[in-house]
C-alpha cells in the first residue's frame, strides 16, 4: 500500500484520492513534504553530501549558540535551521536542521557531539542534494 500527505493540488496532479482532509493539529503551521521509500530512488553511485535532522534543546540561554558552535567548529555548513513550536510546551521548540558536509565521516563525527548539547535528536536522513528534483 501507499499513502501520502499532501495538498489537494498534489492529489489532483497525481490522480490520487483524498482519504482524510484537515488532518493538521495547528492551522497556522505550514508543512514541507518529503518522499520516503524503502527502495533506492537512484542507481547512482553519488555519495551523500547533505543531512536533515530534528533536535530539541534545553530552554536556557546559550543552548542554540552551543549547537551552532558544534557545527561551526566541525567546519560544517548549515543550509537551513527552522524552529517548530512543540505542542503543549509553550516557549519550547524543536529545530529542523539541514547541513552539507564534504564526507560522510565528517557528518558522522559531528552527530555524537550533539548528545550533551541537546535534549534529543534524530537524523531524518542522509542524501545527495543534487539528486533531489521535483
Protein backbone atom coordinates (compact mmCIF):
# COMPACT_ATOMS: atom_id res chain seq x y z
CA UNK A 1 0.00 0.00 0.00
CA UNK A 2 0.94 3.59 -0.48
CA UNK A 3 -0.07 6.68 1.46
CA UNK A 4 0.82 10.33 1.25
CA UNK A 5 0.19 13.61 2.99
CA UNK A 6 -0.15 16.48 0.57
CA UNK A 7 -2.19 19.29 -0.83
CA UNK A 8 -5.34 18.95 -2.90
CA UNK A 9 -3.34 20.28 -5.84
CA UNK A 10 -0.87 17.40 -5.47
CA UNK A 11 -3.71 14.89 -5.17
CA UNK A 12 -5.29 16.21 -8.38
CA UNK A 13 -1.95 16.26 -10.19
CA UNK A 14 -1.16 12.63 -9.35
CA UNK A 15 -4.72 11.34 -9.66
CA UNK A 16 -4.98 10.29 -6.02
CA UNK A 17 -7.99 10.07 -3.74
CA UNK A 18 -8.25 12.18 -0.59
CA UNK A 19 -8.93 9.82 2.29
CA UNK A 20 -8.99 12.48 5.04
CA UNK A 21 -8.76 16.26 4.94
CA UNK A 22 -7.90 18.80 7.61
CA UNK A 23 -5.54 16.46 9.46
CA UNK A 24 -3.28 19.22 10.80
CA UNK A 25 -3.11 19.85 14.54
CA UNK A 26 -2.26 23.53 14.19
CA UNK A 27 -3.96 25.51 11.43
CA UNK A 28 -1.18 28.13 11.35
CA UNK A 29 1.60 25.64 10.56
CA UNK A 30 2.91 25.07 7.06
CA UNK A 31 4.26 21.67 6.11
CA UNK A 32 7.13 20.76 3.85
CA UNK A 33 6.73 17.35 2.22
CA UNK A 34 9.28 14.58 1.76
CA UNK A 35 9.09 11.38 -0.25
CA UNK A 36 10.03 8.34 1.83
CA UNK A 37 10.62 4.98 0.24
CA UNK A 38 12.02 1.61 1.20
CA UNK A 39 13.66 1.34 -2.18
CA UNK A 40 16.56 3.24 -3.66
CA UNK A 41 15.39 6.10 -5.89
CA UNK A 42 18.59 6.13 -7.85
CA UNK A 43 21.13 3.66 -9.09
CA UNK A 44 23.66 6.49 -8.92
CA UNK A 45 26.88 5.93 -7.04
CA UNK A 46 26.90 9.58 -5.92
CA UNK A 47 27.72 9.79 -2.22
CA UNK A 48 25.53 11.72 0.22
CA UNK A 49 26.53 15.33 0.88
CA UNK A 50 23.61 16.58 2.94
CA UNK A 51 21.75 15.58 6.10
CA UNK A 52 18.43 16.58 7.64
CA UNK A 53 17.87 16.18 11.36
CA UNK A 54 15.50 17.37 14.06
CA UNK A 55 16.57 18.23 17.58
CA UNK A 56 15.33 19.77 20.79
CA UNK A 57 17.47 21.80 23.13
CA UNK A 58 17.07 22.98 26.71
CA UNK A 59 15.21 26.28 27.11
CA UNK A 60 18.19 28.06 28.66
CA UNK A 61 20.30 30.94 27.38
CA UNK A 62 23.06 29.84 25.04
CA UNK A 63 21.58 26.46 24.06
CA UNK A 64 21.17 27.30 20.38
CA UNK A 65 24.56 29.04 20.36
CA UNK A 66 26.16 25.81 21.64
CA UNK A 67 24.57 23.77 18.85
CA UNK A 68 25.64 26.23 16.18
CA UNK A 69 29.17 26.17 17.61
CA UNK A 70 29.39 22.39 17.25
CA UNK A 71 28.70 22.68 13.52
CA UNK A 72 31.00 25.69 13.08
CA UNK A 73 33.95 24.00 14.85
CA UNK A 74 33.42 20.93 12.66
CA UNK A 75 33.56 23.13 9.51
CA UNK A 76 30.03 22.08 8.52
CA UNK A 77 27.77 24.42 6.56
CA UNK A 78 24.21 24.75 7.88
CA UNK A 79 21.89 25.33 4.93
CA UNK A 80 18.68 25.57 6.95
CA UNK A 81 17.61 25.95 10.54
CA UNK A 82 13.92 26.20 11.29
CA UNK A 83 12.20 26.36 14.66
CA UNK A 84 8.96 24.48 15.25
CA UNK A 85 6.86 25.04 18.37
CA UNK A 86 6.37 21.88 20.41
CA UNK A 87 2.70 21.23 21.02
CA UNK A 88 1.56 21.75 24.64
CA UNK A 89 5.01 23.06 25.64
CA UNK A 90 4.90 26.86 25.43
CA UNK A 91 8.21 28.51 24.50
CA UNK A 92 9.85 25.15 23.79
CA UNK A 93 10.93 24.45 20.23
CA UNK A 94 12.27 21.70 18.03
CA UNK A 95 14.72 22.66 15.30
CA UNK A 96 14.92 21.15 11.84
CA UNK A 97 18.47 21.46 10.56
CA UNK A 98 19.89 20.76 7.12
CA UNK A 99 23.65 20.68 6.75
CA UNK A 100 26.12 19.99 3.99
CA UNK A 101 29.34 18.06 4.51
CA UNK A 102 32.36 17.09 2.45
CA UNK A 103 32.48 13.45 3.58
CA UNK A 104 30.11 11.11 5.35
CA UNK A 105 32.79 10.66 8.04
CA UNK A 106 32.67 14.41 8.75
CA UNK A 107 28.92 14.20 9.28
CA UNK A 108 29.08 11.06 11.39
CA UNK A 109 31.75 12.63 13.64
CA UNK A 110 29.65 15.71 14.45
CA UNK A 111 26.43 13.87 15.29
CA UNK A 112 27.64 12.29 18.58
CA UNK A 113 28.76 15.74 19.74
CA UNK A 114 25.09 16.69 19.88
CA UNK A 115 24.39 14.17 22.68
CA UNK A 116 25.33 16.53 25.53
CA UNK A 117 24.06 19.73 23.90
CA UNK A 118 20.55 18.50 23.02
CA UNK A 119 17.63 17.03 24.87
CA UNK A 120 17.23 14.67 21.95
CA UNK A 121 17.95 14.49 18.25
CA UNK A 122 17.01 12.30 15.32
CA UNK A 123 18.70 12.03 11.96
CA UNK A 124 15.96 12.05 9.32
CA UNK A 125 18.29 11.10 6.50
CA UNK A 126 21.49 11.44 4.52
CA UNK A 127 21.16 12.16 0.81
CA UNK A 128 22.79 13.74 -2.20
CA UNK A 129 21.28 17.20 -2.57
CA UNK A 130 21.90 17.34 -6.31
CA UNK A 131 19.69 14.28 -6.89
CA UNK A 132 16.62 15.93 -5.37
CA UNK A 133 14.31 17.12 -8.09
CA UNK A 134 10.65 17.99 -8.16
